[in-house]
């Protein structure tokens, strides 16, 4: 684990809008609540048959720091292996397809810490988002209401991801458990946006 990265309890993630790819910037938060240094940059190809995302130290994409890759091709409940820059495993996350029919639910596993389960905080927003996807013509518009995820170990929230209002997707990641590998949390947070519709 990177001690400098582990020191952060709040991260800010912003999506860049591009034609054929989704790009994400992960920033540390400044004491004033703004975007600080760039911690990671990710680029995801849209409509890939086997999802694979590499995160780099910056937008020059010269130094990879971690990545995640689906174990199977186009599988709604596929597990995603998260590895460091040298390919060593950091952890695994997967979408719980059955539970996600009502509210998106993910399971995140870090060696030595067990399984953390994250689901949408508001059932109402989760159901509204599903109805939105089935409305003719409206489904082409971005979903306007933000959604939030709380990840729990037992009954304790260990981290949360809050989507903010705005034209571009922006997220605030609050980390409450200092033992959680920040690289694993970053991978999961990017996946919440990049893989949400799968």
N, C-alpha and C. Protein backbone atom coordinates (compact mmCIF):
# COMPACT_ATOMS: atom_id res chain seq x y z
N UNK A 1 0.83 -1.19 0.00
CA UNK A 1 0.00 0.00 0.00
C UNK A 1 0.87 1.25 0.00
N UNK A 2 0.39 2.27 -0.65
CA UNK A 2 1.07 3.56 -0.73
C UNK A 2 0.66 4.39 0.49
N UNK A 3 1.61 4.66 1.40
CA UNK A 3 1.30 5.40 2.63
C UNK A 3 0.74 6.78 2.34
N UNK A 4 1.25 7.43 1.30
CA UNK A 4 0.77 8.78 0.95
C UNK A 4 -0.70 8.73 0.54
N UNK A 5 -1.05 7.73 -0.25
CA UNK A 5 -2.44 7.55 -0.68
C UNK A 5 -3.32 7.13 0.50
N UNK A 6 -2.80 6.25 1.37
CA UNK A 6 -3.57 5.76 2.51
C UNK A 6 -3.93 6.87 3.49
N UNK A 7 -3.20 7.98 3.46
CA UNK A 7 -3.45 9.08 4.40
C UNK A 7 -4.74 9.83 4.08
N UNK A 8 -5.31 9.65 2.89
CA UNK A 8 -6.51 10.39 2.49
C UNK A 8 -7.78 9.71 2.97
N UNK A 9 -8.66 10.51 3.60
CA UNK A 9 -9.96 10.01 4.06
C UNK A 9 -11.10 10.46 3.16
N UNK A 10 -10.81 11.40 2.26
CA UNK A 10 -11.85 11.87 1.34
C UNK A 10 -11.22 12.08 -0.04
N UNK A 11 -11.86 11.51 -1.05
CA UNK A 11 -11.41 11.62 -2.43
C UNK A 11 -12.53 12.23 -3.28
N UNK A 12 -12.14 12.94 -4.31
CA UNK A 12 -13.10 13.54 -5.25
C UNK A 12 -12.86 12.93 -6.62
N UNK A 13 -13.93 12.45 -7.25
CA UNK A 13 -13.82 11.82 -8.56
C UNK A 13 -14.68 12.60 -9.54
N UNK A 14 -14.10 12.92 -10.67
CA UNK A 14 -14.81 13.67 -11.70
C UNK A 14 -14.69 12.94 -13.03
N UNK A 15 -15.81 12.82 -13.72
CA UNK A 15 -15.79 12.19 -15.04
C UNK A 15 -15.57 13.26 -16.11
N UNK A 16 -14.69 12.95 -17.05
CA UNK A 16 -14.50 13.81 -18.22
C UNK A 16 -15.37 13.24 -19.34
N UNK A 17 -16.03 14.11 -20.07
CA UNK A 17 -16.89 13.68 -21.16
C UNK A 17 -16.08 13.61 -22.45
N UNK A 18 -16.00 12.43 -23.06
CA UNK A 18 -15.32 12.19 -24.33
C UNK A 18 -16.22 11.34 -25.21
N UNK A 19 -15.96 11.34 -26.52
CA UNK A 19 -16.84 10.67 -27.48
C UNK A 19 -16.84 9.15 -27.32
N UNK A 20 -15.70 8.50 -27.35
CA UNK A 20 -15.64 7.04 -27.35
C UNK A 20 -15.16 6.42 -26.04
N UNK A 21 -14.80 7.26 -25.07
CA UNK A 21 -14.29 6.72 -23.81
C UNK A 21 -14.86 7.50 -22.63
N UNK A 22 -14.90 6.85 -21.49
CA UNK A 22 -15.16 7.53 -20.22
C UNK A 22 -13.81 7.76 -19.56
N UNK A 23 -13.58 8.96 -19.08
CA UNK A 23 -12.35 9.27 -18.38
C UNK A 23 -12.69 9.76 -16.98
N UNK A 24 -11.86 9.37 -16.02
CA UNK A 24 -12.10 9.73 -14.63
C UNK A 24 -10.84 10.30 -14.02
N UNK A 25 -11.00 11.39 -13.28
CA UNK A 25 -9.91 11.98 -12.51
C UNK A 25 -10.22 11.79 -11.03
N UNK A 26 -9.24 11.30 -10.28
CA UNK A 26 -9.39 11.11 -8.84
C UNK A 26 -8.45 12.10 -8.16
N UNK A 27 -9.01 12.96 -7.34
CA UNK A 27 -8.24 13.99 -6.65
C UNK A 27 -8.32 13.80 -5.14
N UNK A 28 -7.27 14.22 -4.44
CA UNK A 28 -7.34 14.37 -2.99
C UNK A 28 -8.14 15.63 -2.72
N UNK A 29 -8.78 15.70 -1.58
CA UNK A 29 -9.52 16.90 -1.23
C UNK A 29 -8.61 17.85 -0.47
N UNK A 30 -8.69 19.14 -0.79
CA UNK A 30 -7.92 20.16 -0.06
C UNK A 30 -8.60 20.43 1.27
N UNK A 31 -7.89 21.05 2.23
CA UNK A 31 -8.53 21.39 3.51
C UNK A 31 -9.78 22.26 3.33
N UNK A 32 -9.84 23.03 2.26
CA UNK A 32 -11.00 23.88 2.01
C UNK A 32 -12.14 23.17 1.29
N UNK A 33 -11.96 21.90 0.96
CA UNK A 33 -13.03 21.13 0.32
C UNK A 33 -12.95 21.09 -1.20
N UNK A 34 -11.91 21.69 -1.78
CA UNK A 34 -11.76 21.68 -3.24
C UNK A 34 -10.90 20.52 -3.72
N UNK A 35 -10.72 20.48 -5.05
CA UNK A 35 -9.88 19.44 -5.65
C UNK A 35 -8.42 19.75 -5.43
N UNK A 36 -7.71 18.80 -4.84
CA UNK A 36 -6.28 18.92 -4.63
C UNK A 36 -5.53 18.18 -5.72
N UNK A 37 -4.42 17.57 -5.32
CA UNK A 37 -3.57 16.88 -6.29
C UNK A 37 -4.30 15.73 -6.98
N UNK A 38 -3.91 15.50 -8.23
CA UNK A 38 -4.44 14.37 -9.00
C UNK A 38 -3.76 13.10 -8.49
N UNK A 39 -4.57 12.15 -8.04
CA UNK A 39 -4.06 10.90 -7.49
C UNK A 39 -4.09 9.80 -8.54
N UNK A 40 -5.14 9.79 -9.36
CA UNK A 40 -5.28 8.73 -10.36
C UNK A 40 -6.10 9.23 -11.54
N UNK A 41 -5.83 8.63 -12.70
CA UNK A 41 -6.56 8.94 -13.93
C UNK A 41 -6.92 7.62 -14.60
N UNK A 42 -8.18 7.48 -15.00
CA UNK A 42 -8.63 6.24 -15.64
C UNK A 42 -9.31 6.55 -16.95
N UNK A 43 -9.20 5.59 -17.86
CA UNK A 43 -9.89 5.70 -19.15
C UNK A 43 -10.54 4.34 -19.43
N UNK A 44 -11.84 4.37 -19.75
CA UNK A 44 -12.59 3.15 -20.00
C UNK A 44 -13.20 3.23 -21.40
N UNK A 45 -12.94 2.20 -22.21
CA UNK A 45 -13.57 2.13 -23.53
C UNK A 45 -15.03 1.74 -23.36
N UNK A 46 -15.90 2.43 -24.06
CA UNK A 46 -17.32 2.10 -23.98
C UNK A 46 -17.62 0.85 -24.78
N UNK A 47 -18.57 0.08 -24.29
CA UNK A 47 -19.09 -1.11 -24.97
C UNK A 47 -18.02 -2.17 -25.21
N UNK A 48 -17.11 -2.35 -24.27
CA UNK A 48 -16.11 -3.41 -24.38
C UNK A 48 -16.75 -4.74 -24.01
N UNK A 49 -16.33 -5.82 -24.68
CA UNK A 49 -16.89 -7.14 -24.40
C UNK A 49 -16.36 -7.72 -23.09
N UNK A 50 -15.14 -7.41 -22.76
CA UNK A 50 -14.58 -7.84 -21.47
C UNK A 50 -13.97 -6.61 -20.82
N UNK A 51 -14.62 -6.16 -19.77
CA UNK A 51 -14.26 -4.90 -19.15
C UNK A 51 -12.86 -4.95 -18.53
N UNK A 52 -12.06 -3.94 -18.87
CA UNK A 52 -10.74 -3.79 -18.28
C UNK A 52 -10.43 -2.31 -18.20
N UNK A 53 -10.07 -1.84 -17.01
CA UNK A 53 -9.77 -0.43 -16.80
C UNK A 53 -8.43 -0.33 -16.08
N UNK A 54 -7.55 0.51 -16.60
CA UNK A 54 -6.26 0.78 -15.97
C UNK A 54 -6.29 2.19 -15.41
N UNK A 55 -5.81 2.35 -14.19
CA UNK A 55 -5.69 3.66 -13.58
C UNK A 55 -4.23 4.04 -13.53
N UNK A 56 -3.95 5.29 -13.90
CA UNK A 56 -2.59 5.80 -13.99
C UNK A 56 -2.36 6.89 -12.96
N UNK A 57 -1.10 7.25 -12.75
CA UNK A 57 -0.77 8.29 -11.77
C UNK A 57 -1.21 9.67 -12.25
N UNK A 58 -1.33 9.87 -13.58
CA UNK A 58 -1.81 11.15 -14.12
C UNK A 58 -2.33 10.94 -15.54
N UNK A 59 -2.79 12.03 -16.17
CA UNK A 59 -3.44 11.89 -17.49
C UNK A 59 -2.46 11.72 -18.66
N UNK A 60 -1.14 11.66 -18.39
CA UNK A 60 -0.21 11.31 -19.46
C UNK A 60 -0.21 9.79 -19.68
N UNK A 61 -0.76 9.06 -18.73
CA UNK A 61 -0.88 7.59 -18.78
C UNK A 61 0.49 6.92 -18.92
N UNK A 62 1.50 7.51 -18.29
CA UNK A 62 2.86 6.95 -18.40
C UNK A 62 3.17 5.95 -17.28
N UNK A 63 2.47 6.07 -16.13
CA UNK A 63 2.77 5.18 -15.01
C UNK A 63 1.48 4.57 -14.45
N UNK A 64 1.22 3.29 -14.77
CA UNK A 64 0.03 2.64 -14.21
C UNK A 64 0.20 2.43 -12.70
N UNK A 65 -0.91 2.55 -11.94
CA UNK A 65 -0.84 2.31 -10.50
C UNK A 65 -1.75 1.16 -10.07
N UNK A 66 -2.80 0.88 -10.84
CA UNK A 66 -3.68 -0.23 -10.54
C UNK A 66 -4.63 -0.45 -11.72
N UNK A 67 -5.36 -1.53 -11.66
CA UNK A 67 -6.34 -1.80 -12.70
C UNK A 67 -7.36 -2.80 -12.22
N UNK A 68 -8.48 -2.88 -12.94
CA UNK A 68 -9.44 -3.94 -12.66
C UNK A 68 -9.90 -4.55 -13.97
N UNK A 69 -10.21 -5.84 -13.90
CA UNK A 69 -10.55 -6.59 -15.10
C UNK A 69 -11.63 -7.62 -14.78
N UNK A 70 -12.62 -7.72 -15.66
CA UNK A 70 -13.69 -8.70 -15.49
C UNK A 70 -13.14 -10.10 -15.71
N UNK A 71 -13.63 -11.04 -14.93
CA UNK A 71 -13.21 -12.43 -15.10
C UNK A 71 -13.87 -13.08 -16.31
N UNK A 72 -15.08 -12.60 -16.67
CA UNK A 72 -15.82 -13.19 -17.78
C UNK A 72 -16.26 -12.10 -18.75
N UNK A 73 -16.59 -12.52 -19.96
CA UNK A 73 -17.12 -11.60 -20.96
C UNK A 73 -18.60 -11.36 -20.71
N UNK A 74 -19.03 -10.13 -20.82
CA UNK A 74 -20.43 -9.73 -20.71
C UNK A 74 -21.23 -10.63 -19.77
N UNK A 75 -20.92 -10.54 -18.50
CA UNK A 75 -21.62 -11.30 -17.47
C UNK A 75 -22.11 -10.29 -16.44
N UNK A 76 -23.43 -10.24 -16.24
CA UNK A 76 -24.01 -9.24 -15.35
C UNK A 76 -23.57 -9.40 -13.90
N UNK A 77 -23.11 -10.57 -13.53
CA UNK A 77 -22.68 -10.80 -12.14
C UNK A 77 -21.19 -11.14 -12.08
N UNK A 78 -20.43 -10.73 -13.08
CA UNK A 78 -19.01 -11.06 -13.13
C UNK A 78 -18.25 -10.42 -11.98
N UNK A 79 -17.23 -11.11 -11.55
CA UNK A 79 -16.31 -10.56 -10.56
C UNK A 79 -15.22 -9.80 -11.31
N UNK A 80 -14.68 -8.78 -10.64
CA UNK A 80 -13.62 -7.96 -11.21
C UNK A 80 -12.41 -8.05 -10.28
N UNK A 81 -11.29 -8.50 -10.83
CA UNK A 81 -10.05 -8.59 -10.06
C UNK A 81 -9.34 -7.26 -10.11
N UNK A 82 -8.92 -6.77 -8.95
CA UNK A 82 -8.19 -5.51 -8.85
C UNK A 82 -6.74 -5.85 -8.54
N UNK A 83 -5.83 -5.30 -9.35
CA UNK A 83 -4.41 -5.59 -9.19
C UNK A 83 -3.60 -4.30 -9.11
N UNK A 84 -2.42 -4.40 -8.53
CA UNK A 84 -1.54 -3.24 -8.49
C UNK A 84 -0.78 -3.12 -9.82
N UNK A 85 0.15 -2.18 -9.90
CA UNK A 85 0.88 -1.92 -11.15
C UNK A 85 1.67 -3.12 -11.64
N UNK A 86 2.09 -3.99 -10.72
CA UNK A 86 2.88 -5.16 -11.12
C UNK A 86 2.02 -6.40 -11.33
N UNK A 87 0.69 -6.25 -11.23
CA UNK A 87 -0.21 -7.37 -11.47
C UNK A 87 -0.54 -8.19 -10.24
N UNK A 88 -0.07 -7.74 -9.07
CA UNK A 88 -0.36 -8.46 -7.82
C UNK A 88 -1.78 -8.13 -7.35
N UNK A 89 -2.53 -9.13 -6.86
CA UNK A 89 -3.91 -8.89 -6.44
C UNK A 89 -4.02 -7.96 -5.24
N UNK A 90 -5.00 -7.05 -5.32
CA UNK A 90 -5.33 -6.15 -4.22
C UNK A 90 -6.66 -6.58 -3.60
N UNK A 91 -7.58 -7.03 -4.45
CA UNK A 91 -8.90 -7.43 -3.98
C UNK A 91 -9.81 -7.74 -5.15
N UNK A 92 -11.09 -7.91 -4.85
CA UNK A 92 -12.10 -8.28 -5.84
C UNK A 92 -13.37 -7.52 -5.53
N UNK A 93 -14.11 -7.13 -6.57
CA UNK A 93 -15.47 -6.65 -6.37
C UNK A 93 -16.38 -7.28 -7.40
N UNK A 94 -17.67 -7.37 -7.06
CA UNK A 94 -18.65 -7.94 -7.99
C UNK A 94 -20.02 -7.34 -7.70
N UNK A 95 -20.82 -7.28 -8.75
CA UNK A 95 -22.18 -6.80 -8.60
C UNK A 95 -23.07 -7.98 -8.24
N UNK A 96 -23.95 -7.77 -7.27
CA UNK A 96 -24.91 -8.79 -6.87
C UNK A 96 -26.13 -8.61 -7.76
N UNK A 97 -26.21 -9.42 -8.83
CA UNK A 97 -27.24 -9.23 -9.86
C UNK A 97 -28.64 -9.33 -9.28
N UNK A 98 -28.90 -10.31 -8.46
CA UNK A 98 -30.25 -10.53 -7.90
C UNK A 98 -30.69 -9.34 -7.05
N UNK A 99 -29.86 -8.92 -6.11
CA UNK A 99 -30.21 -7.79 -5.25
C UNK A 99 -30.26 -6.48 -6.03
N UNK A 100 -29.50 -6.41 -7.12
CA UNK A 100 -29.44 -5.17 -7.90
C UNK A 100 -30.69 -4.94 -8.74
N UNK A 101 -31.58 -5.90 -8.80
CA UNK A 101 -32.83 -5.68 -9.53
C UNK A 101 -33.64 -4.57 -8.86
N UNK A 102 -33.55 -4.44 -7.54
CA UNK A 102 -34.26 -3.38 -6.81
C UNK A 102 -33.36 -2.20 -6.48
N UNK A 103 -32.17 -2.47 -6.01
CA UNK A 103 -31.20 -1.41 -5.68
C UNK A 103 -29.81 -1.97 -5.94
N UNK A 104 -29.03 -1.26 -6.73
CA UNK A 104 -27.69 -1.74 -7.09
C UNK A 104 -26.90 -2.11 -5.84
N UNK A 105 -26.32 -3.31 -5.87
CA UNK A 105 -25.59 -3.84 -4.72
C UNK A 105 -24.28 -4.43 -5.20
N UNK A 106 -23.19 -4.09 -4.50
CA UNK A 106 -21.86 -4.56 -4.84
C UNK A 106 -21.22 -5.21 -3.61
N UNK A 107 -20.37 -6.18 -3.85
CA UNK A 107 -19.58 -6.80 -2.78
C UNK A 107 -18.11 -6.55 -3.09
N UNK A 108 -17.39 -6.05 -2.11
CA UNK A 108 -15.98 -5.70 -2.23
C UNK A 108 -15.20 -6.54 -1.23
N UNK A 109 -14.14 -7.18 -1.69
CA UNK A 109 -13.37 -8.05 -0.81
C UNK A 109 -11.90 -7.67 -0.83
N UNK A 110 -11.36 -7.40 0.36
CA UNK A 110 -9.95 -7.11 0.53
C UNK A 110 -9.35 -8.21 1.39
N UNK A 111 -8.27 -8.84 0.95
CA UNK A 111 -7.67 -9.91 1.75
C UNK A 111 -7.41 -9.45 3.19
N UNK A 112 -7.82 -10.28 4.13
CA UNK A 112 -7.62 -9.97 5.54
C UNK A 112 -8.74 -9.16 6.18
N UNK A 113 -9.61 -8.57 5.37
CA UNK A 113 -10.70 -7.77 5.93
C UNK A 113 -12.08 -8.36 5.66
N UNK A 114 -12.16 -9.35 4.80
CA UNK A 114 -13.46 -9.94 4.51
C UNK A 114 -14.24 -9.14 3.49
N UNK A 115 -15.56 -9.35 3.48
CA UNK A 115 -16.44 -8.76 2.46
C UNK A 115 -17.13 -7.52 3.00
N UNK A 116 -17.14 -6.48 2.19
CA UNK A 116 -17.87 -5.25 2.45
C UNK A 116 -18.98 -5.17 1.41
N UNK A 117 -20.19 -4.85 1.82
CA UNK A 117 -21.32 -4.79 0.88
C UNK A 117 -21.81 -3.36 0.76
N UNK A 118 -21.92 -2.91 -0.49
CA UNK A 118 -22.40 -1.55 -0.76
C UNK A 118 -23.68 -1.58 -1.54
N UNK A 119 -24.64 -0.75 -1.14
CA UNK A 119 -25.88 -0.65 -1.90
C UNK A 119 -26.36 0.80 -1.90
N UNK A 120 -27.26 1.08 -2.82
CA UNK A 120 -27.79 2.43 -2.94
C UNK A 120 -28.49 2.82 -1.64
N UNK A 121 -28.21 4.02 -1.18
CA UNK A 121 -28.75 4.49 0.09
C UNK A 121 -30.26 4.67 0.02
N UNK A 122 -30.77 5.18 -1.09
CA UNK A 122 -32.20 5.47 -1.22
C UNK A 122 -32.88 4.47 -2.15
N UNK A 123 -33.81 3.70 -1.59
CA UNK A 123 -34.59 2.75 -2.41
C UNK A 123 -35.46 3.52 -3.41
N UNK A 124 -35.97 4.69 -2.99
CA UNK A 124 -36.82 5.48 -3.87
C UNK A 124 -36.05 5.90 -5.12
N UNK A 125 -34.85 6.44 -4.94
CA UNK A 125 -34.04 6.86 -6.09
C UNK A 125 -33.67 5.65 -6.94
N UNK A 126 -33.38 4.52 -6.30
CA UNK A 126 -33.04 3.30 -7.05
C UNK A 126 -34.21 2.88 -7.95
N UNK A 127 -35.41 2.87 -7.41
CA UNK A 127 -36.59 2.50 -8.21
C UNK A 127 -36.88 3.53 -9.29
N UNK A 128 -36.75 4.81 -8.95
CA UNK A 128 -36.98 5.88 -9.92
C UNK A 128 -36.01 5.76 -11.09
N UNK A 129 -34.75 5.42 -10.80
CA UNK A 129 -33.74 5.27 -11.85
C UNK A 129 -34.10 4.11 -12.78
N UNK A 130 -34.66 3.03 -12.23
CA UNK A 130 -35.04 1.89 -13.06
C UNK A 130 -36.23 2.22 -13.96
N UNK A 131 -37.21 2.97 -13.42
CA UNK A 131 -38.35 3.40 -14.22
C UNK A 131 -37.90 4.33 -15.34
N UNK A 132 -36.96 5.22 -15.01
CA UNK A 132 -36.42 6.19 -15.98
C UNK A 132 -35.86 5.48 -17.20
N UNK A 133 -35.17 4.36 -16.99
CA UNK A 133 -34.55 3.61 -18.08
C UNK A 133 -35.56 3.00 -19.04
N UNK A 134 -36.80 2.84 -18.60
CA UNK A 134 -37.81 2.22 -19.46
C UNK A 134 -38.75 3.21 -20.13
N UNK A 135 -38.65 4.49 -19.78
CA UNK A 135 -39.53 5.49 -20.39
C UNK A 135 -39.05 5.84 -21.79
N UNK A 136 -39.94 5.80 -22.79
CA UNK A 136 -39.53 6.15 -24.16
C UNK A 136 -39.02 7.59 -24.23
N UNK A 137 -37.98 7.79 -25.00
CA UNK A 137 -37.33 9.08 -25.23
C UNK A 137 -36.61 9.62 -24.01
N UNK A 138 -37.19 9.49 -22.83
CA UNK A 138 -36.58 10.01 -21.60
C UNK A 138 -35.31 9.25 -21.27
N UNK A 139 -35.27 7.96 -21.61
CA UNK A 139 -34.10 7.16 -21.27
C UNK A 139 -32.82 7.65 -21.94
N UNK A 140 -32.94 8.47 -22.99
CA UNK A 140 -31.77 9.02 -23.67
C UNK A 140 -31.17 10.19 -22.89
N UNK A 141 -31.93 10.76 -21.96
CA UNK A 141 -31.44 11.87 -21.14
C UNK A 141 -30.73 11.32 -19.91
N UNK A 142 -29.73 12.04 -19.42
CA UNK A 142 -29.05 11.56 -18.22
C UNK A 142 -29.99 11.60 -17.02
N UNK A 143 -29.82 10.65 -16.12
CA UNK A 143 -30.63 10.60 -14.91
C UNK A 143 -30.22 11.75 -14.00
N UNK A 144 -31.17 12.61 -13.66
CA UNK A 144 -30.86 13.86 -12.99
C UNK A 144 -30.61 13.73 -11.49
N UNK A 145 -31.21 12.76 -10.84
CA UNK A 145 -31.08 12.66 -9.39
C UNK A 145 -29.81 11.93 -9.02
N UNK A 146 -29.08 12.46 -8.07
CA UNK A 146 -27.85 11.77 -7.67
C UNK A 146 -28.17 10.52 -6.87
N UNK A 147 -27.30 9.54 -6.98
CA UNK A 147 -27.46 8.34 -6.16
C UNK A 147 -26.21 8.17 -5.31
N UNK A 148 -26.41 7.51 -4.18
CA UNK A 148 -25.35 7.39 -3.19
C UNK A 148 -25.24 5.93 -2.76
N UNK A 149 -24.03 5.49 -2.47
CA UNK A 149 -23.78 4.13 -2.01
C UNK A 149 -23.12 4.17 -0.64
N UNK A 150 -23.59 3.30 0.23
CA UNK A 150 -22.93 3.08 1.52
C UNK A 150 -22.40 1.66 1.52
N UNK A 151 -21.12 1.51 1.84
CA UNK A 151 -20.49 0.19 1.95
C UNK A 151 -20.32 -0.14 3.42
N UNK A 152 -20.83 -1.31 3.81
CA UNK A 152 -20.86 -1.70 5.21
C UNK A 152 -20.09 -3.00 5.45
N UNK A 153 -19.48 -3.06 6.62
CA UNK A 153 -18.94 -4.31 7.15
C UNK A 153 -19.77 -4.56 8.40
N UNK A 154 -20.66 -5.53 8.33
CA UNK A 154 -21.64 -5.71 9.41
C UNK A 154 -22.60 -4.54 9.39
N UNK A 155 -22.76 -3.86 10.53
CA UNK A 155 -23.67 -2.71 10.57
C UNK A 155 -22.93 -1.37 10.53
N UNK A 156 -21.62 -1.41 10.31
CA UNK A 156 -20.81 -0.19 10.27
C UNK A 156 -20.55 0.26 8.84
N UNK A 157 -20.77 1.55 8.56
CA UNK A 157 -20.40 2.10 7.26
C UNK A 157 -18.89 2.29 7.24
N UNK A 158 -18.21 1.67 6.25
CA UNK A 158 -16.75 1.78 6.18
C UNK A 158 -16.31 2.78 5.12
N UNK A 159 -17.16 2.96 4.08
CA UNK A 159 -16.94 4.07 3.15
C UNK A 159 -18.23 4.32 2.39
N UNK A 160 -18.33 5.52 1.84
CA UNK A 160 -19.52 5.89 1.07
C UNK A 160 -19.10 6.65 -0.18
N UNK A 161 -19.95 6.57 -1.19
CA UNK A 161 -19.73 7.27 -2.45
C UNK A 161 -20.99 8.08 -2.74
N UNK A 162 -20.86 9.41 -2.77
CA UNK A 162 -21.99 10.30 -3.00
C UNK A 162 -21.84 10.99 -4.35
N UNK A 163 -22.85 10.81 -5.20
CA UNK A 163 -22.86 11.49 -6.50
C UNK A 163 -23.43 12.88 -6.30
N UNK A 164 -22.80 13.87 -6.90
CA UNK A 164 -23.22 15.26 -6.75
C UNK A 164 -24.04 15.72 -7.95
N UNK A 165 -24.93 16.71 -7.73
CA UNK A 165 -25.68 17.30 -8.84
C UNK A 165 -24.73 18.01 -9.78
N UNK A 166 -25.02 17.98 -11.06
CA UNK A 166 -24.22 18.71 -12.03
C UNK A 166 -24.34 18.09 -13.41
N UNK A 167 -23.86 18.82 -14.40
CA UNK A 167 -23.90 18.31 -15.77
C UNK A 167 -22.94 17.16 -15.97
N UNK A 168 -21.83 17.18 -15.25
CA UNK A 168 -20.85 16.09 -15.32
C UNK A 168 -20.91 15.28 -14.05
N UNK A 169 -20.65 13.99 -14.17
CA UNK A 169 -20.68 13.13 -12.99
C UNK A 169 -19.52 13.47 -12.07
N UNK A 170 -19.85 13.75 -10.81
CA UNK A 170 -18.86 14.04 -9.79
C UNK A 170 -19.23 13.25 -8.54
N UNK A 171 -18.22 12.73 -7.85
CA UNK A 171 -18.45 11.91 -6.67
C UNK A 171 -17.54 12.34 -5.54
N UNK A 172 -18.04 12.21 -4.32
CA UNK A 172 -17.24 12.40 -3.11
C UNK A 172 -17.18 11.04 -2.43
N UNK A 173 -15.97 10.58 -2.14
CA UNK A 173 -15.77 9.29 -1.49
C UNK A 173 -15.26 9.56 -0.08
N UNK A 174 -16.06 9.18 0.92
CA UNK A 174 -15.67 9.33 2.32
C UNK A 174 -15.27 7.97 2.87
N UNK A 175 -14.05 7.89 3.42
CA UNK A 175 -13.50 6.63 3.91
C UNK A 175 -13.41 6.69 5.43
N UNK A 176 -14.07 5.74 6.10
CA UNK A 176 -14.10 5.74 7.56
C UNK A 176 -13.20 4.67 8.17
N UNK A 177 -12.87 3.63 7.41
CA UNK A 177 -12.03 2.55 7.93
C UNK A 177 -10.61 2.74 7.38
N UNK A 178 -9.63 3.08 8.23
CA UNK A 178 -8.28 3.34 7.75
C UNK A 178 -7.58 2.10 7.18
N UNK A 179 -8.10 0.92 7.45
CA UNK A 179 -7.48 -0.31 6.96
C UNK A 179 -7.78 -0.59 5.49
N UNK A 180 -8.82 0.03 4.95
CA UNK A 180 -9.19 -0.22 3.56
C UNK A 180 -8.14 0.34 2.61
N UNK A 181 -7.75 -0.47 1.65
CA UNK A 181 -6.77 -0.07 0.64
C UNK A 181 -7.42 0.97 -0.27
N UNK A 182 -6.85 2.17 -0.29
CA UNK A 182 -7.43 3.26 -1.09
C UNK A 182 -7.49 2.92 -2.57
N UNK A 183 -6.53 2.12 -3.05
CA UNK A 183 -6.55 1.72 -4.47
C UNK A 183 -7.79 0.89 -4.77
N UNK A 184 -8.16 0.02 -3.86
CA UNK A 184 -9.34 -0.82 -4.03
C UNK A 184 -10.61 0.03 -4.01
N UNK A 185 -10.64 1.00 -3.11
CA UNK A 185 -11.79 1.91 -3.03
C UNK A 185 -11.91 2.74 -4.31
N UNK A 186 -10.79 3.23 -4.82
CA UNK A 186 -10.81 4.01 -6.07
C UNK A 186 -11.34 3.15 -7.21
N UNK A 187 -10.87 1.91 -7.32
CA UNK A 187 -11.36 1.01 -8.38
C UNK A 187 -12.86 0.81 -8.26
N UNK A 188 -13.35 0.55 -7.05
CA UNK A 188 -14.79 0.34 -6.86
C UNK A 188 -15.58 1.60 -7.18
N UNK A 189 -15.11 2.76 -6.75
CA UNK A 189 -15.82 4.01 -6.99
C UNK A 189 -15.91 4.32 -8.48
N UNK A 190 -14.83 4.12 -9.22
CA UNK A 190 -14.86 4.32 -10.68
C UNK A 190 -15.83 3.32 -11.32
N UNK A 191 -15.82 2.08 -10.84
CA UNK A 191 -16.70 1.05 -11.38
C UNK A 191 -18.17 1.38 -11.14
N UNK A 192 -18.49 2.04 -10.02
CA UNK A 192 -19.87 2.38 -9.76
C UNK A 192 -20.44 3.23 -10.89
N UNK A 193 -19.63 4.11 -11.44
CA UNK A 193 -20.09 4.92 -12.57
C UNK A 193 -19.93 4.17 -13.88
N UNK A 194 -18.77 3.62 -14.11
CA UNK A 194 -18.46 3.00 -15.41
C UNK A 194 -19.31 1.76 -15.70
N UNK A 195 -19.68 1.02 -14.66
CA UNK A 195 -20.40 -0.24 -14.86
C UNK A 195 -21.83 -0.20 -14.36
N UNK A 196 -22.32 0.96 -13.96
CA UNK A 196 -23.62 1.05 -13.32
C UNK A 196 -24.76 0.49 -14.17
N UNK A 197 -24.73 0.69 -15.46
CA UNK A 197 -25.84 0.25 -16.31
C UNK A 197 -25.72 -1.21 -16.72
N UNK A 198 -24.71 -1.91 -16.25
CA UNK A 198 -24.53 -3.31 -16.68
C UNK A 198 -25.21 -4.26 -15.72
